C-alpha atoms as a PDB file:
ATOM      1  CA  MET A   1      50.078 -25.684  51.062  1.00  0.00           C
ATOM      2  CA  ASP A   2      51.386 -22.297  52.302  1.00  0.00           C
ATOM      3  CA  TRP A   3      55.006 -21.132  52.186  1.00  0.00           C
ATOM      4  CA  GLN A   4      55.668 -21.877  55.850  1.00  0.00           C
ATOM      5  CA  THR A   5      54.543 -25.461  55.441  1.00  0.00           C
ATOM      6  CA  LEU A   6      56.615 -25.797  52.280  1.00  0.00           C
ATOM      7  CA  ILE A   7      59.719 -24.428  54.017  1.00  0.00           C
ATOM      8  CA  ASP A   8      59.244 -26.859  56.883  1.00  0.00           C
ATOM      9  CA  GLU A   9      59.206 -29.821  54.511  1.00  0.00           C
ATOM     10  CA  PRO A  10      62.307 -32.042  55.125  1.00  0.00           C
ATOM     11  CA  ALA A  11      62.900 -32.421  51.403  1.00  0.00           C
ATOM     12  CA  VAL A  12      63.046 -28.637  50.926  1.00  0.00           C
ATOM     13  CA  ILE A  13      65.395 -28.189  53.873  1.00  0.00           C
ATOM     14  CA  ALA A  14      67.562 -31.029  52.554  1.00  0.00           C
ATOM     15  CA  ALA A  15      67.742 -29.406  49.112  1.00  0.00           C
ATOM     16  CA  ALA A  16      68.696 -26.073  50.678  1.00  0.00           C
ATOM     17  CA  VAL A  17      71.436 -27.728  52.755  1.00  0.00           C
ATOM     18  CA  LEU A  18      72.741 -29.515  49.679  1.00  0.00           C
ATOM     19  CA  ALA A  19      72.812 -26.282  47.658  1.00  0.00           C
ATOM     20  CA  LEU A  20      74.524 -24.427  50.519  1.00  0.00           C
ATOM     21  CA  GLY A  21      77.075 -27.233  50.815  1.00  0.00           C
ATOM     22  CA  ILE A  22      77.883 -27.029  47.123  1.00  0.00           C
ATOM     23  CA  VAL A  23      78.438 -23.271  47.341  1.00  0.00           C
ATOM     24  CA  VAL A  24      80.508 -23.494  50.522  1.00  0.00           C
ATOM     25  CA  GLY A  25      82.546 -26.402  49.133  1.00  0.00           C
ATOM     26  CA  TYR A  26      83.326 -24.462  45.982  1.00  0.00           C
ATOM     27  CA  LEU A  27      84.360 -21.364  47.945  1.00  0.00           C
ATOM     28  CA  VAL A  28      86.513 -23.391  50.357  1.00  0.00           C
ATOM     29  CA  GLY A  29      88.271 -25.027  47.411  1.00  0.00           C
ATOM     30  CA  ARG A  30      88.967 -21.646  45.815  1.00  0.00           C
ATOM     31  CA  LEU A  31      90.214 -20.219  49.106  1.00  0.00           C
ATOM     32  CA  ASN A  32      92.520 -23.188  49.738  1.00  0.00           C
ATOM     33  CA  ARG A  33      93.902 -22.972  46.208  1.00  0.00           C
ATOM     34  CA  GLU A  34      94.748 -19.290  46.700  1.00  0.00           C
ATOM     35  CA  LEU A  35      96.262 -19.887  50.151  1.00  0.00           C
ATOM     36  CA  LEU A  36      98.436 -22.728  48.861  1.00  0.00           C
ATOM     37  CA  ALA A  37      99.585 -20.632  45.907  1.00  0.00           C
ATOM     38  CA  ALA A  38     100.359 -17.664  48.192  1.00  0.00           C
ATOM     39  CA  SER A  39     102.385 -19.873  50.554  1.00  0.00           C
ATOM     40  CA  GLY A  40     104.670 -21.059  47.734  1.00  0.00           C
ATOM     41  CA  VAL A  41     103.457 -24.651  47.477  1.00  0.00           C
ATOM     42  CA  PRO A  42     103.524 -24.722  43.617  1.00  0.00           C
ATOM     43  CA  GLU A  43     107.206 -23.763  43.649  1.00  0.00           C
ATOM     44  CA  ALA A  44     107.957 -26.294  46.406  1.00  0.00           C
ATOM     45  CA  VAL A  45     106.491 -29.230  44.457  1.00  0.00           C
ATOM     46  CA  GLU A  46     107.635 -28.116  41.001  1.00  0.00           C
ATOM     47  CA  GLY A  47     109.508 -30.847  39.178  1.00  0.00           C
ATOM     48  CA  THR A  48     108.623 -33.615  41.632  1.00  0.00           C
ATOM     49  CA  PRO A  49     107.330 -36.924  40.198  1.00  0.00           C
ATOM     50  CA  PHE A  50     103.985 -36.420  41.947  1.00  0.00           C
ATOM     51  CA  GLU A  51     103.555 -32.993  40.343  1.00  0.00           C
ATOM     52  CA  ARG A  52     104.548 -34.329  36.926  1.00  0.00           C
ATOM     53  CA  THR A  53     102.032 -37.159  37.280  1.00  0.00           C
ATOM     54  CA  ALA A  54      99.327 -34.671  38.292  1.00  0.00           C
ATOM     55  CA  GLN A  55     100.135 -32.441  35.312  1.00  0.00           C
ATOM     56  CA  SER A  56     100.000 -35.416  32.950  1.00  0.00           C
ATOM     57  CA  ILE A  57      96.317 -35.867  33.846  1.00  0.00           C
ATOM     58  CA  GLY A  58      95.568 -32.169  33.549  1.00  0.00           C
ATOM     59  CA  THR A  59      95.777 -31.070  37.190  1.00  0.00           C
ATOM     60  CA  SER A  60      98.360 -30.164  39.860  1.00  0.00           C
ATOM     61  CA  THR A  61      99.215 -30.887  43.470  1.00  0.00           C
ATOM     62  CA  VAL A  62      97.580 -27.631  44.569  1.00  0.00           C
ATOM     63  CA  ASP A  63      94.401 -28.446  42.616  1.00  0.00           C
ATOM     64  CA  ILE A  64      94.246 -31.934  44.138  1.00  0.00           C
ATOM     65  CA  VAL A  65      94.515 -30.613  47.699  1.00  0.00           C
ATOM     66  CA  ALA A  66      91.980 -27.851  46.983  1.00  0.00           C
ATOM     67  CA  ARG A  67      89.537 -30.314  45.432  1.00  0.00           C
ATOM     68  CA  LEU A  68      89.898 -32.643  48.396  1.00  0.00           C
ATOM     69  CA  SER A  69      88.747 -29.853  50.688  1.00  0.00           C
ATOM     70  CA  SER A  70      85.780 -29.151  48.375  1.00  0.00           C
ATOM     71  CA  TRP A  71      84.828 -32.826  48.151  1.00  0.00           C
ATOM     72  CA  PHE A  72      84.955 -33.066  51.921  1.00  0.00           C
ATOM     73  CA  ILE A  73      82.362 -30.282  52.200  1.00  0.00           C
ATOM     74  CA  TYR A  74      80.276 -31.820  49.416  1.00  0.00           C
ATOM     75  CA  GLY A  75      80.253 -35.177  51.193  1.00  0.00           C
ATOM     76  CA  ILE A  76      79.160 -33.633  54.473  1.00  0.00           C
ATOM     77  CA  ALA A  77      76.403 -31.715  52.652  1.00  0.00           C
ATOM     78  CA  VAL A  78      75.104 -34.831  50.871  1.00  0.00           C
ATOM     79  CA  LEU A  79      75.012 -36.873  54.059  1.00  0.00           C
ATOM     80  CA  THR A  80      73.348 -34.059  55.955  1.00  0.00           C
ATOM     81  CA  ALA A  81      70.708 -33.717  53.225  1.00  0.00           C
ATOM     82  CA  ILE A  82      70.039 -37.474  53.302  1.00  0.00           C
ATOM     83  CA  HIS A  83      69.654 -37.338  57.058  1.00  0.00           C
ATOM     84  CA  ILE A  84      67.306 -34.352  56.993  1.00  0.00           C
ATOM     85  CA  ALA A  85      65.185 -35.820  54.167  1.00  0.00           C
ATOM     86  CA  GLN A  86      64.974 -39.067  56.139  1.00  0.00           C
ATOM     87  CA  LEU A  87      65.657 -41.072  53.025  1.00  0.00           C
ATOM     88  CA  LEU A  88      67.448 -43.648  55.160  1.00  0.00           C
ATOM     89  CA  ASP A  89      67.555 -44.609  58.774  1.00  0.00           C
ATOM     90  CA  THR A  90      70.849 -42.824  59.092  1.00  0.00           C
ATOM     91  CA  ASP A  91      71.368 -42.339  62.837  1.00  0.00           C
ATOM     92  CA  ALA A  92      74.008 -45.033  63.282  1.00  0.00           C
ATOM     93  CA  PHE A  93      75.219 -44.622  59.723  1.00  0.00           C
ATOM     94  CA  TRP A  94      75.592 -40.851  60.168  1.00  0.00           C
ATOM     95  CA  LEU A  95      77.606 -41.334  63.339  1.00  0.00           C
ATOM     96  CA  ARG A  96      80.044 -43.675  61.664  1.00  0.00           C
ATOM     97  CA  VAL A  97      80.327 -41.623  58.493  1.00  0.00           C
ATOM     98  CA  THR A  98      80.961 -38.359  60.340  1.00  0.00           C
ATOM     99  CA  GLU A  99      83.787 -40.113  62.115  1.00  0.00           C
ATOM    100  CA  PHE A 100      85.135 -41.776  58.978  1.00  0.00           C
ATOM    101  CA  ILE A 101      85.062 -38.945  56.414  1.00  0.00           C
ATOM    102  CA  PRO A 102      87.503 -36.650  58.272  1.00  0.00           C
ATOM    103  CA  GLN A 103      89.807 -39.621  58.719  1.00  0.00           C
ATOM    104  CA  VAL A 104      89.713 -40.397  54.995  1.00  0.00           C
ATOM    105  CA  PHE A 105      90.373 -36.747  54.167  1.00  0.00           C
ATOM    106  CA  ILE A 106      93.363 -36.634  56.521  1.00  0.00           C
ATOM    107  CA  ALA A 107      94.652 -39.968  55.186  1.00  0.00           C
ATOM    108  CA  VAL A 108      94.572 -38.753  51.568  1.00  0.00           C
ATOM    109  CA  LEU A 109      96.183 -35.460  52.589  1.00  0.00           C
ATOM    110  CA  VAL A 110      98.927 -37.356  54.440  1.00  0.00           C
ATOM    111  CA  LEU A 111      99.605 -39.418  51.311  1.00  0.00           C
ATOM    112  CA  VAL A 112      99.817 -36.322  49.104  1.00  0.00           C
ATOM    113  CA  VAL A 113     102.133 -34.535  51.532  1.00  0.00           C
ATOM    114  CA  GLY A 114     104.123 -37.749  52.003  1.00  0.00           C
ATOM    115  CA  PHE A 115     104.735 -38.081  48.259  1.00  0.00           C
ATOM    116  CA  VAL A 116     105.852 -34.446  48.035  1.00  0.00           C
ATOM    117  CA  ILE A 117     108.177 -34.735  51.058  1.00  0.00           C
ATOM    118  CA  ALA A 118     109.589 -38.034  49.760  1.00  0.00           C
ATOM    119  CA  ASP A 119     110.383 -36.514  46.356  1.00  0.00           C
ATOM    120  CA  LYS A 120     111.941 -33.429  47.913  1.00  0.00           C
ATOM    121  CA  SER A 121     113.959 -35.543  50.355  1.00  0.00           C
ATOM    122  CA  GLU A 122     115.324 -37.631  47.499  1.00  0.00           C
ATOM    123  CA  LEU A 123     116.379 -34.501  45.613  1.00  0.00           C
ATOM    124  CA  GLN A 124     117.973 -32.923  48.699  1.00  0.00           C
ATOM    125  CA  VAL A 125     119.955 -36.048  49.590  1.00  0.00           C
ATOM    126  CA  SER A 126     121.072 -36.462  45.966  1.00  0.00           C
ATOM    127  CA  GLU A 127     122.245 -32.855  45.931  1.00  0.00           C
ATOM    128  CA  ALA A 128     124.053 -33.203  49.262  1.00  0.00           C
ATOM    129  CA  LEU A 129     125.879 -36.350  48.103  1.00  0.00           C
ATOM    130  CA  ARG A 130     126.639 -35.177  44.587  1.00  0.00           C
ATOM    131  CA  GLY A 131     130.324 -34.675  45.320  1.00  0.00           C
ATOM    132  CA  VAL A 132     130.768 -38.050  46.996  1.00  0.00           C
ATOM    133  CA  LYS A 133     132.550 -40.423  44.617  1.00  0.00           C
ATOM    134  CA  LEU A 134     131.657 -43.638  46.436  1.00  0.00           C
ATOM    135  CA  PRO A 135     129.295 -45.952  44.494  1.00  0.00           C
ATOM    136  CA  GLU A 136     127.448 -47.060  47.629  1.00  0.00           C
ATOM    137  CA  VAL A 137     125.903 -43.638  48.239  1.00  0.00           C
ATOM    138  CA  SER A 138     123.846 -43.800  45.015  1.00  0.00           C
ATOM    139  CA  VAL A 139     121.182 -45.873  46.813  1.00  0.00           C
ATOM    140  CA  LEU A 140     120.787 -43.455  49.717  1.00  0.00           C
ATOM    141  CA  PRO A 141     118.378 -41.002  47.997  1.00  0.00           C
ATOM    142  CA  LYS A 142     116.010 -43.836  47.007  1.00  0.00           C
ATOM    143  CA  LEU A 143     116.290 -45.326  50.478  1.00  0.00           C
ATOM    144  CA  VAL A 144     115.283 -42.007  52.044  1.00  0.00           C
ATOM    145  CA  LYS A 145     112.404 -41.575  49.574  1.00  0.00           C
ATOM    146  CA  TYR A 146     110.849 -44.977  50.173  1.00  0.00           C
ATOM    147  CA  SER A 147     111.343 -44.717  53.919  1.00  0.00           C
ATOM    148  CA  VAL A 148     109.322 -41.475  53.939  1.00  0.00           C
ATOM    149  CA  LEU A 149     106.643 -43.068  51.744  1.00  0.00           C
ATOM    150  CA  PHE A 150     106.417 -46.099  54.038  1.00  0.00           C
ATOM    151  CA  VAL A 151     105.855 -43.872  57.065  1.00  0.00           C
ATOM    152  CA  ALA A 152     103.262 -41.792  55.160  1.00  0.00           C
ATOM    153  CA  VAL A 153     101.332 -44.920  54.140  1.00  0.00           C
ATOM    154  CA  LEU A 154     101.519 -46.198  57.704  1.00  0.00           C
ATOM    155  CA  VAL A 155     100.087 -42.946  59.090  1.00  0.00           C
ATOM    156  CA  ALA A 156      97.372 -42.851  56.388  1.00  0.00           C
ATOM    157  CA  LEU A 157      96.267 -46.424  57.100  1.00  0.00           C
ATOM    158  CA  GLY A 158      96.187 -45.690  60.806  1.00  0.00           C
ATOM    159  CA  GLN A 159      93.904 -42.720  60.146  1.00  0.00           C
ATOM    160  CA  ILE A 160      91.245 -44.873  58.464  1.00  0.00           C
ATOM    161  CA  GLY A 161      91.321 -47.465  61.206  1.00  0.00           C
ATOM    162  CA  VAL A 162      93.442 -50.163  59.590  1.00  0.00           C
ATOM    163  CA  TYR A 163      95.150 -52.379  62.157  1.00  0.00           C
ATOM    164  CA  VAL A 164      98.755 -51.261  61.727  1.00  0.00           C
ATOM    165  CA  ASN A 165     100.564 -53.209  64.444  1.00  0.00           C
ATOM    166  CA  PRO A 166     101.917 -55.740  61.904  1.00  0.00           C
ATOM    167  CA  LEU A 167     103.091 -52.804  59.779  1.00  0.00           C
ATOM    168  CA  LEU A 168     104.782 -51.264  62.806  1.00  0.00           C
ATOM    169  CA  ILE A 169     106.601 -54.548  63.352  1.00  0.00           C
ATOM    170  CA  LEU A 170     107.528 -54.523  59.674  1.00  0.00           C
ATOM    171  CA  LEU A 171     108.775 -50.946  60.051  1.00  0.00           C
ATOM    172  CA  ALA A 172     110.954 -52.006  62.997  1.00  0.00           C
ATOM    173  CA  VAL A 173     112.339 -54.937  60.995  1.00  0.00           C
ATOM    174  CA  TYR A 174     112.888 -52.599  58.038  1.00  0.00           C
ATOM    175  CA  ALA A 175     114.790 -50.113  60.212  1.00  0.00           C
ATOM    176  CA  LEU A 176     116.884 -52.903  61.740  1.00  0.00           C
ATOM    177  CA  GLY A 177     117.589 -54.254  58.264  1.00  0.00           C
ATOM    178  CA  ILE A 178     118.743 -50.832  57.101  1.00  0.00           C
ATOM    179  CA  VAL A 179     121.118 -50.594  60.057  1.00  0.00           C
ATOM    180  CA  VAL A 180     122.550 -54.085  59.541  1.00  0.00           C
ATOM    181  CA  VAL A 181     122.774 -53.959  55.743  1.00  0.00           C
ATOM    182  CA  GLY A 182     123.914 -50.349  55.828  1.00  0.00           C
ATOM    183  CA  THR A 183     126.723 -51.162  58.240  1.00  0.00           C
ATOM    184  CA  VAL A 184     127.969 -53.890  55.897  1.00  0.00           C
ATOM    185  CA  ALA A 185     127.308 -52.174  52.568  1.00  0.00           C
ATOM    186  CA  PHE A 186     128.505 -48.745  53.659  1.00  0.00           C
ATOM    187  CA  LYS A 187     131.524 -49.876  55.629  1.00  0.00           C
ATOM    188  CA  ASP A 188     133.887 -48.117  53.249  1.00  0.00           C
ATOM    189  CA  PHE A 189     131.622 -45.061  53.284  1.00  0.00           C
ATOM    190  CA  LEU A 190     131.695 -44.919  57.098  1.00  0.00           C
ATOM    191  CA  VAL A 191     135.450 -45.528  57.248  1.00  0.00           C
ATOM    192  CA  SER A 192     136.061 -42.811  54.650  1.00  0.00           C
ATOM    193  CA  SER A 193     133.910 -40.329  56.548  1.00  0.00           C
ATOM    194  CA  ALA A 194     135.707 -41.108  59.832  1.00  0.00           C
ATOM    195  CA  ALA A 195     139.054 -40.713  58.070  1.00  0.00           C
ATOM    196  CA  GLY A 196     137.822 -37.455  56.532  1.00  0.00           C
ATOM    197  CA  ILE A 197     136.959 -36.074  59.953  1.00  0.00           C
ATOM    198  CA  TYR A 198     140.478 -36.927  61.158  1.00  0.00           C
ATOM    199  CA  LEU A 199     142.091 -35.299  58.110  1.00  0.00           C
ATOM    200  CA  LEU A 200     140.000 -32.143  58.439  1.00  0.00           C
ATOM    201  CA  LEU A 201     140.818 -31.811  62.137  1.00  0.00           C
ATOM    202  CA  ASN A 202     144.532 -32.632  61.982  1.00  0.00           C
ATOM    203  CA  GLN A 203     145.330 -31.420  58.453  1.00  0.00           C
ATOM    204  CA  PRO A 204     148.416 -33.536  57.675  1.00  0.00           C
ATOM    205  CA  TYR A 205     148.309 -31.862  54.261  1.00  0.00           C
ATOM    206  CA  GLY A 206     146.393 -28.916  52.847  1.00  0.00           C
ATOM    207  CA  ILE A 207     145.222 -27.355  49.615  1.00  0.00           C
ATOM    208  CA  GLY A 208     148.190 -26.670  47.331  1.00  0.00           C
ATOM    209  CA  ASP A 209     150.535 -29.236  48.917  1.00  0.00           C
ATOM    210  CA  ARG A 210     152.195 -31.720  46.587  1.00  0.00           C
ATOM    211  CA  VAL A 211     151.771 -35.193  48.018  1.00  0.00           C
ATOM    212  CA  ARG A 212     152.068 -38.816  47.021  1.00  0.00           C
ATOM    213  CA  ILE A 213     149.441 -41.271  48.246  1.00  0.00           C
ATOM    214  CA  GLY A 214     150.398 -44.807  47.308  1.00  0.00           C
ATOM    215  CA  ASP A 215     151.418 -44.669  43.640  1.00  0.00           C
ATOM    216  CA  GLN A 216     149.438 -41.509  42.853  1.00  0.00           C
ATOM    217  CA  SER A 217     150.909 -38.064  43.262  1.00  0.00           C
ATOM    218  CA  GLY A 218     149.815 -34.520  42.577  1.00  0.00           C
ATOM    219  CA  ILE A 219     148.797 -31.193  44.076  1.00  0.00           C
ATOM    220  CA  VAL A 220     145.974 -31.328  46.633  1.00  0.00           C
ATOM    221  CA  GLN A 221     142.933 -29.597  45.146  1.00  0.00           C
ATOM    222  CA  GLU A 222     140.267 -30.514  47.716  1.00  0.00           C
ATOM    223  CA  VAL A 223     139.895 -32.399  50.985  1.00  0.00           C
ATOM    224  CA  ASP A 224     136.333 -33.101  52.103  1.00  0.00           C
ATOM    225  CA  LEU A 225     134.631 -35.549  54.418  1.00  0.00           C
ATOM    226  CA  PHE A 226     134.902 -38.480  52.006  1.00  0.00           C
ATOM    227  CA  VAL A 227     137.600 -37.932  49.389  1.00  0.00           C
ATOM    228  CA  THR A 228     140.885 -36.204  48.675  1.00  0.00           C
ATOM    229  CA  LYS A 229     141.392 -34.821  45.170  1.00  0.00           C
ATOM    230  CA  LEU A 230     144.869 -34.635  43.645  1.00  0.00           C
ATOM    231  CA  GLU A 231     145.786 -33.121  40.296  1.00  0.00           C
ATOM    232  CA  ASP A 232     148.945 -33.480  38.259  1.00  0.00           C
ATOM    233  CA  ASP A 233     149.790 -32.372  34.744  1.00  0.00           C
ATOM    234  CA  ASP A 234     147.554 -34.823  32.897  1.00  0.00           C
ATOM    235  CA  ALA A 235     145.179 -36.412  35.418  1.00  0.00           C
ATOM    236  CA  GLU A 236     142.974 -35.814  38.415  1.00  0.00           C
ATOM    237  CA  TYR A 237     142.804 -38.434  41.152  1.00  0.00           C
ATOM    238  CA  VAL A 238     139.831 -38.805  43.474  1.00  0.00           C
ATOM    239  CA  ILE A 239     141.024 -40.886  46.426  1.00  0.00           C
ATOM    240  CA  PRO A 240     138.649 -42.125  49.149  1.00  0.00           C
ATOM    241  CA  ASN A 241     139.927 -40.973  52.528  1.00  0.00           C
ATOM    242  CA  ARG A 242     140.065 -44.555  53.799  1.00  0.00           C
ATOM    243  CA  ARG A 243     142.853 -45.169  51.271  1.00  0.00           C
ATOM    244  CA  VAL A 244     144.788 -42.278  52.712  1.00  0.00           C
ATOM    245  CA  PHE A 245     145.153 -44.315  55.901  1.00  0.00           C
ATOM    246  CA  GLU A 246     145.902 -47.541  54.037  1.00  0.00           C
ATOM    247  CA  GLU A 247     148.620 -46.080  51.807  1.00  0.00           C
ATOM    248  CA  ASP A 248     151.858 -44.274  52.581  1.00  0.00           C
ATOM    249  CA  ILE A 249     151.507 -40.498  52.520  1.00  0.00           C
ATOM    250  CA  VAL A 250     154.514 -38.498  51.330  1.00  0.00           C
ATOM    251  CA  ARG A 251     154.639 -34.722  51.187  1.00  0.00           C
ATOM    252  CA  LEU A 252     156.815 -33.820  48.221  1.00  0.00           C
ATOM    253  CA  ARG A 253     159.120 -30.823  48.259  1.00  0.00           C
ATOM    254  CA  GLU A 254     159.327 -28.532  45.283  1.00  0.00           C
END
């Protein structure tokens, strides 16, 4: 058997394709890892639960995404080698797999990105509401997180061909439930924010004024969208703005 005949053998071509796929997959993974690191992804996901979970098993979010890209190339190479070597009657199988593998890759990527965005959203909302002294707002960060995760799972399932119409109906019911329950549970929150807007626009009192609101009096230290803070000699009062409208307001003269 001469070299030309050997090179034309399907098994040899399949082995060469497989070897090339392994090399290309490795290089693509390295390139993606460097691109993600250069774009600041490690800093963006630092401290998130997903990153902590990844680190606990000896990897990271960047490594997971980079390995996914490598495994995608490896999978294509293996299937191509099987097809060339004619180990299976792969015509129909190849068609379906080549359609399915990119969808699986995108679905997994959507889940990874969804977890990162959900964690970051929770942190951002928690930070934004840190100064709000209403107990109802403590559930908002978790609500935002799980809403983002639900949408990410929905998109991922849609990518791999799962029939998602029932989930879309569930999403609509979920959104309606949030509106209804939120309106009831956050009534005081909404009233306080509306009152805060009025106070900020009309400024019936300002920073440094001595006022009495109901049975609490002191010097106004802060007026924001949700609360008014008063301070006297031995106490600080944090009064929801809705109470400002429910109680008598008296500006005290020095």
